[in-house]
Protein backbone atom coordinates (compact mmCIF):
# COMPACT_ATOMS: atom_id res chain seq x y z
CA MET A 1 -1.39 23.91 -38.53
CA LYS A 2 -3.77 26.53 -39.91
CA PHE A 3 -6.21 26.06 -37.04
CA PHE A 4 -3.42 26.20 -34.47
CA GLY A 5 -2.28 29.49 -35.99
CA LEU A 6 -5.84 30.82 -35.85
CA LEU A 7 -6.07 29.76 -32.19
CA ILE A 8 -2.88 31.69 -31.38
CA CYS A 9 -4.18 34.79 -33.18
CA PHE A 10 -7.53 34.62 -31.37
CA ALA A 11 -5.77 34.10 -28.03
CA ILE A 12 -3.76 37.29 -28.57
CA ILE A 13 -6.80 39.30 -29.69
CA GLY A 14 -8.95 37.81 -26.92
CA GLY A 15 -6.33 38.66 -24.30
CA ALA A 16 -6.31 42.28 -25.43
CA VAL A 17 -10.12 42.41 -25.40
CA VAL A 18 -10.31 40.99 -21.87
CA GLN A 19 -7.55 43.27 -20.60
CA ILE A 20 -9.03 46.45 -22.08
CA GLY A 21 -12.71 45.63 -21.57
CA PRO A 22 -15.07 43.59 -23.76
CA HIS A 23 -17.74 46.31 -23.75
CA LEU A 24 -15.45 48.52 -25.85
CA PHE A 25 -15.29 45.98 -28.68
CA ASN A 26 -19.01 45.58 -29.42
CA ASP A 27 -20.72 47.58 -32.14
CA VAL A 28 -23.49 45.94 -34.14
CA MET A 29 -23.51 48.50 -36.96
CA SER A 30 -19.77 48.05 -37.53
CA GLY A 31 -20.28 44.30 -37.76
CA ILE A 32 -23.15 44.67 -40.20
CA PHE A 33 -21.11 47.09 -42.32
CA VAL A 34 -18.13 44.72 -42.52
CA LEU A 35 -20.08 41.48 -43.05
CA GLY A 36 -22.52 43.04 -45.52
CA GLY A 37 -19.71 44.65 -47.47
CA ALA A 38 -17.73 41.41 -47.50
CA LEU A 39 -20.75 39.54 -48.83
CA GLY A 40 -21.27 42.14 -51.56
CA PHE A 41 -17.58 42.01 -52.48
CA THR A 42 -17.71 38.21 -52.66
CA LEU A 43 -20.72 38.31 -54.97
CA LEU A 44 -19.08 41.02 -57.06
CA LYS A 45 -15.95 38.92 -57.60
CA ASN A 46 -18.16 35.99 -58.76
CA ARG A 47 -15.49 33.32 -58.21
CA PRO A 48 -17.17 30.48 -56.29
CA GLN A 49 -13.94 28.49 -56.01
CA HIS A 50 -12.39 31.38 -54.02
CA MET A 51 -15.43 32.34 -51.94
CA ALA A 52 -13.78 32.23 -48.49
CA GLU A 53 -10.72 34.10 -49.72
CA ASN A 54 -12.85 36.81 -51.39
CA PHE A 55 -15.02 37.17 -48.29
CA GLY A 56 -11.93 37.76 -46.15
CA VAL A 57 -10.48 40.31 -48.55
CA GLY A 58 -13.85 42.07 -48.77
CA ALA A 59 -14.06 42.19 -44.97
CA VAL A 60 -10.71 43.97 -44.78
CA TYR A 61 -11.71 46.44 -47.52
CA PHE A 62 -14.99 47.23 -45.83
CA GLY A 63 -13.31 47.41 -42.43
CA TRP A 64 -11.20 50.27 -43.70
CA LEU A 65 -14.15 51.86 -45.49
CA GLY A 66 -16.13 51.65 -42.24
CA ALA A 67 -13.31 53.40 -40.40
CA LEU A 68 -13.28 56.16 -43.01
CA VAL A 69 -17.05 56.58 -42.75
CA GLY A 70 -16.75 56.82 -38.96
CA LEU A 71 -13.94 59.36 -39.12
CA ILE A 72 -15.83 61.45 -41.68
CA ALA A 73 -18.90 61.39 -39.43
CA ILE A 74 -16.80 62.56 -36.47
CA ALA A 75 -15.00 65.27 -38.47
CA GLY A 76 -18.29 66.44 -39.97
CA ASN A 77 -19.80 66.71 -36.48
CA ALA A 78 -22.63 64.35 -37.45
CA PHE A 79 -23.19 63.47 -33.79
CA GLY A 80 -22.62 66.90 -32.25
CA ILE A 81 -19.48 65.83 -30.39
CA TRP A 82 -16.88 68.06 -32.04
CA GLY A 83 -14.81 69.67 -29.29
CA ASP A 84 -16.23 67.44 -26.55
CA VAL A 85 -13.13 65.52 -25.53
CA ALA A 86 -15.07 63.09 -23.33
CA ALA A 87 -17.27 62.06 -26.28
CA MET A 88 -14.55 62.07 -28.94
CA GLY A 89 -12.59 59.19 -27.40
CA PRO A 90 -15.41 56.63 -27.55
CA ALA A 91 -16.42 57.85 -31.01
CA LEU A 92 -12.87 57.35 -32.31
CA ALA A 93 -12.76 53.90 -30.70
CA VAL A 94 -15.98 52.86 -32.43
CA SER A 95 -14.71 54.21 -35.75
CA MET A 96 -11.74 51.82 -35.53
CA LEU A 97 -13.80 48.71 -34.75
CA PRO A 98 -14.62 47.88 -38.40
CA VAL A 99 -10.90 47.50 -39.11
CA LEU A 100 -10.53 45.03 -36.24
CA TYR A 101 -13.64 43.15 -37.35
CA GLY A 102 -12.44 43.03 -40.96
CA TYR A 103 -9.04 41.61 -40.13
CA THR A 104 -10.55 39.12 -37.67
CA VAL A 105 -12.96 37.85 -40.33
CA ASN A 106 -10.04 37.65 -42.75
CA LEU A 107 -8.09 35.45 -40.30
CA VAL A 108 -11.00 33.00 -40.19
CA CYS A 109 -11.39 33.07 -43.97
CA MET A 110 -7.68 32.44 -44.49
CA THR A 111 -7.97 29.40 -42.25
CA ILE A 112 -10.97 27.85 -44.00
CA SER A 113 -9.91 28.80 -47.52
CA THR A 114 -9.18 25.79 -49.69
CA ALA A 115 -8.09 27.74 -52.76
CA PRO A 116 -4.58 26.86 -53.92
CA LYS A 117 -2.08 29.68 -53.55
CA ALA A 118 -0.01 30.77 -56.54
CA GLU A 119 3.69 30.45 -55.84
């Protein structure tokens, strides 16, 4: 059932991506930030029996941290776009991608996680 649930989630996300435009959902640096941060978080937790679970949680944490870094860069005018409405929209969109990437990675990690859940 886990894989069927993952398939449904990916179908919903994929439908949104296709409808809006796949080119808006690609940013290599956001992916590196999320995956690298998730790996570091997993190593920091040092619990091999919960590796997939920790990687997913780390991906979500670093997704939000990536969004904050992006918003700080925009607010600090790091790219010289402050006040340029045409450039602010795409910059805000890219700053939100790490959150999407983090939660998507977490969905996969939840599916493959074999750690028993405490009830």
